[in-house]
Each structure stands twice: as C-alpha cells, then as structure tokens.
Amino acid sequence: MSEPLLQQAIELDDAASVENLLVLNNAHAEELSLLDTASFRYLVTQAFHACRIGENDAFMLTFDQSARYDSPNFLWFRERYPEFVYVDRICVSSSARGRGLARQLYERLFDQARRAGHRIIVCEVNIDPPNPGSDAFHAALGFQEVGSAAIFGGKKTVRYLERRL
C-alpha cells in the first residue's frame, strides 16, 4: 500500500473546499442524502470529527451523542446509547477508490474517539437500496449489526452497526 495521504479538517472558511466536498457528497446522494451548502456547513459545525483527504478525494463527517442533528438514523442510536460516535457520512470519489482512503479515515476516527473517551462507533448501511460494498467494508473493520429500520416512509431500509473500541 502507498504512503497514507494527509488528512485535514474540513475548514468552513475554505469555500472552494466546501463546495468540492458538497459536489462529492451529492454525487453519492443515494447512499448519503442530498445536501445544499447551508446544510453541509451546518453538519460540519456539529461534527465530532470532520475530515477530508485531498480537495475532493474523500471525506468523513461524524457526530457524538450531543450533536444537534435530527437524522432518523442518528436519533435511533441516541435513543439506545448514552455515548457514541456516529458516522453520518463517509465518501470516496470514484477516481480515488481502491487506495485505502476510507480505511485511513476510519483509523483516524478510531484514534480520536479513543482519545476523547468514546468506546463505541456506530453507523448504518443501506439494505434497500443495497450497498454490498459498504457491508463488506464495515464487516472487515469489525462492525456488527445491532438493529435495522425502514425510514423515510419505507423508501429506505438500513442496517445499524456498531464497533466497540
């Protein structure tokens, strides 16, 4: 594997970077959900960890239990766990796939979460529409299923996962 790429915090004062990451997010809206600029910026302000690799190679947004966020998936975890870090979105551009960027983002998150005293990382993966690549990736990282739900009026079904640190 090649040298890990530099990870940087997502800086809201870097308008071009924010716009590049928003374009990347929206290119994967089926998996992540479509955002506008104001919504993306808000999520970054609430994040426990907001990190990117390159200008638009990859990014990750996570929240801890105290975030002001109304996602049904985040709220599912909040109802069940007193403390956690929720991976809301992780995205790797098509041109950067296969380089281990998602794993690098997760490894940094695991380190930061441990340092902050967190012991549980949670996320969800689509069952319908299916996302077998994400299922396999999260299983390889040690995530285990802890529940599932139909959301958005049954238009989407997700599997809830956790990894204990």
C-alpha atoms as a PDB file:
ATOM      1  CA  MET A   1       0.000   0.000   0.000  1.00  0.00           C
ATOM      2  CA  SER A   2       1.215   3.506  -0.730  1.00  0.00           C
ATOM      3  CA  GLU A   3       2.006   6.195   1.823  1.00  0.00           C
ATOM      4  CA  PRO A   4      -1.126   7.410   3.665  1.00  0.00           C
ATOM      5  CA  LEU A   5      -2.390  10.715   2.327  1.00  0.00           C
ATOM      6  CA  LEU A   6      -2.629  13.759   4.536  1.00  0.00           C
ATOM      7  CA  GLN A   7      -5.963  14.149   6.268  1.00  0.00           C
ATOM      8  CA  GLN A   8      -7.153  17.654   7.005  1.00  0.00           C
ATOM      9  CA  ALA A   9     -10.027  19.096   8.985  1.00  0.00           C
ATOM     10  CA  ILE A  10     -12.860  20.455   6.866  1.00  0.00           C
ATOM     11  CA  GLU A  11     -12.481  24.226   7.160  1.00  0.00           C
ATOM     12  CA  LEU A  12     -15.628  26.248   6.617  1.00  0.00           C
ATOM     13  CA  ASP A  13     -13.642  29.351   5.643  1.00  0.00           C
ATOM     14  CA  ASP A  14     -12.307  27.457   2.608  1.00  0.00           C
ATOM     15  CA  ALA A  15     -15.319  27.953   0.312  1.00  0.00           C
ATOM     16  CA  ALA A  16     -13.791  26.058  -2.617  1.00  0.00           C
ATOM     17  CA  SER A  17     -13.096  23.009  -0.462  1.00  0.00           C
ATOM     18  CA  VAL A  18     -16.610  23.076   0.999  1.00  0.00           C
ATOM     19  CA  GLU A  19     -18.073  23.294  -2.500  1.00  0.00           C
ATOM     20  CA  ASN A  20     -15.867  20.428  -3.771  1.00  0.00           C
ATOM     21  CA  LEU A  21     -16.930  18.207  -0.870  1.00  0.00           C
ATOM     22  CA  LEU A  22     -20.586  19.110  -1.370  1.00  0.00           C
ATOM     23  CA  VAL A  23     -20.324  18.094  -5.035  1.00  0.00           C
ATOM     24  CA  LEU A  24     -18.745  14.782  -3.935  1.00  0.00           C
ATOM     25  CA  ASN A  25     -21.498  14.239  -1.353  1.00  0.00           C
ATOM     26  CA  ASN A  26     -24.261  14.938  -3.849  1.00  0.00           C
ATOM     27  CA  ALA A  27     -22.718  12.653  -6.459  1.00  0.00           C
ATOM     28  CA  HIS A  28     -23.444   9.900  -3.913  1.00  0.00           C
ATOM     29  CA  ALA A  29     -26.801  11.212  -2.700  1.00  0.00           C
ATOM     30  CA  GLU A  30     -28.491   7.795  -2.947  1.00  0.00           C
ATOM     31  CA  GLU A  31     -26.198   6.491  -0.213  1.00  0.00           C
ATOM     32  CA  LEU A  32     -25.635   9.728   1.725  1.00  0.00           C
ATOM     33  CA  SER A  33     -28.600  12.060   1.050  1.00  0.00           C
ATOM     34  CA  LEU A  34     -28.598  15.245  -0.955  1.00  0.00           C
ATOM     35  CA  LEU A  35     -27.403  18.413   0.807  1.00  0.00           C
ATOM     36  CA  ASP A  36     -27.321  22.093  -0.014  1.00  0.00           C
ATOM     37  CA  THR A  37     -24.417  24.331   1.003  1.00  0.00           C
ATOM     38  CA  ALA A  38     -26.088  25.598   4.188  1.00  0.00           C
ATOM     39  CA  SER A  39     -26.934  22.057   5.334  1.00  0.00           C
ATOM     40  CA  PHE A  40     -23.417  20.792   4.649  1.00  0.00           C
ATOM     41  CA  ARG A  41     -21.898  23.722   6.540  1.00  0.00           C
ATOM     42  CA  TYR A  42     -24.259  23.120   9.470  1.00  0.00           C
ATOM     43  CA  LEU A  43     -23.260  19.460   9.665  1.00  0.00           C
ATOM     44  CA  VAL A  44     -19.595  20.439   9.804  1.00  0.00           C
ATOM     45  CA  THR A  45     -20.315  22.800  12.726  1.00  0.00           C
ATOM     46  CA  GLN A  46     -21.992  19.968  14.653  1.00  0.00           C
ATOM     47  CA  ALA A  47     -19.353  17.341  13.871  1.00  0.00           C
ATOM     48  CA  PHE A  48     -17.255  15.491  16.402  1.00  0.00           C
ATOM     49  CA  HIS A  49     -14.877  14.769  13.529  1.00  0.00           C
ATOM     50  CA  ALA A  50     -14.993  16.399  10.063  1.00  0.00           C
ATOM     51  CA  CYS A  51     -12.069  15.379   7.906  1.00  0.00           C
ATOM     52  CA  ARG A  52     -11.098  15.263   4.254  1.00  0.00           C
ATOM     53  CA  ILE A  53      -8.337  13.817   2.114  1.00  0.00           C
ATOM     54  CA  GLY A  54      -7.263  15.945  -0.847  1.00  0.00           C
ATOM     55  CA  GLU A  55      -9.560  18.575  -2.276  1.00  0.00           C
ATOM     56  CA  ASN A  56     -12.309  16.092  -3.057  1.00  0.00           C
ATOM     57  CA  ASP A  57     -10.817  12.584  -2.844  1.00  0.00           C
ATOM     58  CA  ALA A  58     -12.639  11.588   0.339  1.00  0.00           C
ATOM     59  CA  PHE A  59     -14.324  12.949   3.437  1.00  0.00           C
ATOM     60  CA  MET A  60     -15.949  11.835   6.689  1.00  0.00           C
ATOM     61  CA  LEU A  61     -18.460  13.542   8.984  1.00  0.00           C
ATOM     62  CA  THR A  62     -19.210  12.113  12.422  1.00  0.00           C
ATOM     63  CA  PHE A  63     -21.214  13.239  15.444  1.00  0.00           C
ATOM     64  CA  ASP A  64     -21.191  12.331  19.086  1.00  0.00           C
ATOM     65  CA  GLN A  65     -24.346  11.906  21.141  1.00  0.00           C
ATOM     66  CA  SER A  66     -24.552  15.616  21.979  1.00  0.00           C
ATOM     67  CA  ALA A  67     -24.848  16.861  18.380  1.00  0.00           C
ATOM     68  CA  ARG A  68     -27.882  18.856  17.337  1.00  0.00           C
ATOM     69  CA  TYR A  69     -28.953  16.646  14.474  1.00  0.00           C
ATOM     70  CA  ASP A  70     -32.346  15.223  13.514  1.00  0.00           C
ATOM     71  CA  SER A  71     -31.395  12.355  11.209  1.00  0.00           C
ATOM     72  CA  PRO A  72     -33.630   9.345  11.956  1.00  0.00           C
ATOM     73  CA  ASN A  73     -30.541   7.120  11.988  1.00  0.00           C
ATOM     74  CA  PHE A  74     -28.664   9.339  14.443  1.00  0.00           C
ATOM     75  CA  LEU A  75     -31.772   9.534  16.635  1.00  0.00           C
ATOM     76  CA  TRP A  76     -32.099   5.719  16.586  1.00  0.00           C
ATOM     77  CA  PHE A  77     -28.679   5.475  18.197  1.00  0.00           C
ATOM     78  CA  ARG A  78     -29.309   8.352  20.602  1.00  0.00           C
ATOM     79  CA  GLU A  79     -32.376   6.517  21.940  1.00  0.00           C
ATOM     80  CA  ARG A  80     -30.312   3.398  22.641  1.00  0.00           C
ATOM     81  CA  TYR A  81     -26.783   4.515  23.575  1.00  0.00           C
ATOM     82  CA  PRO A  82     -25.791   7.066  26.238  1.00  0.00           C
ATOM     83  CA  GLU A  83     -22.457   7.756  24.477  1.00  0.00           C
ATOM     84  CA  PHE A  84     -21.284   7.045  20.946  1.00  0.00           C
ATOM     85  CA  VAL A  85     -19.704   8.483  17.828  1.00  0.00           C
ATOM     86  CA  TYR A  86     -21.976   8.214  14.805  1.00  0.00           C
ATOM     87  CA  VAL A  87     -20.516   8.072  11.299  1.00  0.00           C
ATOM     88  CA  ASP A  88     -23.039  10.073   9.345  1.00  0.00           C
ATOM     89  CA  ARG A  89     -21.252  10.069   6.038  1.00  0.00           C
ATOM     90  CA  ILE A  90     -18.050   8.815   4.523  1.00  0.00           C
ATOM     91  CA  CYS A  91     -17.457   9.214   0.834  1.00  0.00           C
ATOM     92  CA  VAL A  92     -14.614   8.412  -1.543  1.00  0.00           C
ATOM     93  CA  SER A  93     -14.639   9.773  -5.078  1.00  0.00           C
ATOM     94  CA  SER A  94     -14.777   7.253  -7.907  1.00  0.00           C
ATOM     95  CA  SER A  95     -11.309   8.309  -9.074  1.00  0.00           C
ATOM     96  CA  ALA A  96      -9.786   7.690  -5.620  1.00  0.00           C
ATOM     97  CA  ARG A  97     -11.326   4.287  -4.862  1.00  0.00           C
ATOM     98  CA  GLY A  98      -9.108   1.306  -4.115  1.00  0.00           C
ATOM     99  CA  ARG A  99      -6.418   3.397  -2.386  1.00  0.00           C
ATOM    100  CA  GLY A 100      -7.466   2.688   1.209  1.00  0.00           C
ATOM    101  CA  LEU A 101      -8.778   6.200   1.880  1.00  0.00           C
ATOM    102  CA  ALA A 102     -11.936   5.105   3.702  1.00  0.00           C
ATOM    103  CA  ARG A 103      -9.877   2.846   5.964  1.00  0.00           C
ATOM    104  CA  GLN A 104      -7.485   5.744   6.671  1.00  0.00           C
ATOM    105  CA  LEU A 105     -10.406   7.985   7.611  1.00  0.00           C
ATOM    106  CA  TYR A 106     -11.821   5.337   9.939  1.00  0.00           C
ATOM    107  CA  GLU A 107      -8.464   4.645  11.588  1.00  0.00           C
ATOM    108  CA  ARG A 108      -8.039   8.331  12.395  1.00  0.00           C
ATOM    109  CA  LEU A 109     -11.593   8.457  13.746  1.00  0.00           C
ATOM    110  CA  PHE A 110     -10.931   5.427  15.970  1.00  0.00           C
ATOM    111  CA  ASP A 111      -7.824   7.140  17.384  1.00  0.00           C
ATOM    112  CA  GLN A 112      -9.613  10.441  18.006  1.00  0.00           C
ATOM    113  CA  ALA A 113     -12.610   8.727  19.575  1.00  0.00           C
ATOM    114  CA  ARG A 114     -10.392   6.731  21.954  1.00  0.00           C
ATOM    115  CA  ARG A 115      -8.524   9.890  22.980  1.00  0.00           C
ATOM    116  CA  ALA A 116     -11.856  11.600  23.690  1.00  0.00           C
ATOM    117  CA  GLY A 117     -13.002   8.675  25.856  1.00  0.00           C
ATOM    118  CA  HIS A 118     -15.501   7.166  23.413  1.00  0.00           C
ATOM    119  CA  ARG A 119     -15.790   3.393  23.249  1.00  0.00           C
ATOM    120  CA  ILE A 120     -18.455   2.844  20.590  1.00  0.00           C
ATOM    121  CA  ILE A 121     -18.522   3.871  16.913  1.00  0.00           C
ATOM    122  CA  VAL A 122     -21.868   3.431  15.154  1.00  0.00           C
ATOM    123  CA  CYS A 123     -23.191   3.811  11.616  1.00  0.00           C
ATOM    124  CA  GLU A 124     -25.799   2.481   9.240  1.00  0.00           C
ATOM    125  CA  VAL A 125     -25.589   0.811   5.847  1.00  0.00           C
ATOM    126  CA  ASN A 126     -28.409   0.627   3.337  1.00  0.00           C
ATOM    127  CA  ILE A 127     -30.178  -2.702   2.977  1.00  0.00           C
ATOM    128  CA  ASP A 128     -32.626  -1.314   0.411  1.00  0.00           C
ATOM    129  CA  PRO A 129     -31.276   0.033  -1.817  1.00  0.00           C
ATOM    130  CA  PRO A 130     -28.480  -2.468  -1.152  1.00  0.00           C
ATOM    131  CA  ASN A 131     -24.883  -1.413  -0.568  1.00  0.00           C
ATOM    132  CA  PRO A 132     -22.884  -4.687  -0.524  1.00  0.00           C
ATOM    133  CA  GLY A 133     -19.531  -2.901  -0.823  1.00  0.00           C
ATOM    134  CA  SER A 134     -20.195  -0.920   2.334  1.00  0.00           C
ATOM    135  CA  ASP A 135     -21.459  -4.039   4.115  1.00  0.00           C
ATOM    136  CA  ALA A 136     -18.220  -5.890   3.336  1.00  0.00           C
ATOM    137  CA  PHE A 137     -16.047  -2.899   4.219  1.00  0.00           C
ATOM    138  CA  HIS A 138     -17.667  -2.372   7.625  1.00  0.00           C
ATOM    139  CA  ALA A 139     -17.564  -6.098   8.424  1.00  0.00           C
ATOM    140  CA  ALA A 140     -13.817  -6.096   7.669  1.00  0.00           C
ATOM    141  CA  LEU A 141     -13.395  -3.212  10.138  1.00  0.00           C
ATOM    142  CA  GLY A 142     -15.136  -5.213  12.865  1.00  0.00           C
ATOM    143  CA  PHE A 143     -18.599  -3.630  12.816  1.00  0.00           C
ATOM    144  CA  GLN A 144     -21.516  -5.825  13.902  1.00  0.00           C
ATOM    145  CA  GLU A 145     -25.231  -5.450  13.269  1.00  0.00           C
ATOM    146  CA  VAL A 146     -27.302  -4.186  16.218  1.00  0.00           C
ATOM    147  CA  GLY A 147     -30.630  -3.431  14.521  1.00  0.00           C
ATOM    148  CA  SER A 148     -32.452  -2.297  11.400  1.00  0.00           C
ATOM    149  CA  ALA A 149     -35.256   0.050  10.408  1.00  0.00           C
ATOM    150  CA  ALA A 150     -37.361   1.231   7.495  1.00  0.00           C
ATOM    151  CA  ILE A 151     -37.055   5.008   7.212  1.00  0.00           C
ATOM    152  CA  PHE A 152     -38.427   7.822   5.066  1.00  0.00           C
ATOM    153  CA  GLY A 153     -41.836   6.190   4.844  1.00  0.00           C
ATOM    154  CA  GLY A 154     -40.376   2.822   3.921  1.00  0.00           C
ATOM    155  CA  LYS A 155     -38.438   4.191   0.942  1.00  0.00           C
ATOM    156  CA  LYS A 156     -35.168   3.065   2.504  1.00  0.00           C
ATOM    157  CA  THR A 157     -34.200   0.244   4.854  1.00  0.00           C
ATOM    158  CA  VAL A 158     -30.977   0.381   6.835  1.00  0.00           C
ATOM    159  CA  ARG A 159     -28.884  -1.937   8.970  1.00  0.00           C
ATOM    160  CA  TYR A 160     -27.456  -0.374  12.162  1.00  0.00           C
ATOM    161  CA  LEU A 161     -23.884  -1.291  13.042  1.00  0.00           C
ATOM    162  CA  GLU A 162     -21.529  -0.765  15.974  1.00  0.00           C
ATOM    163  CA  ARG A 163     -17.861  -1.271  16.633  1.00  0.00           C
ATOM    164  CA  ARG A 164     -16.513  -1.318  20.156  1.00  0.00           C
ATOM    165  CA  LEU A 165     -13.109   0.251  20.583  1.00  0.00           C
END
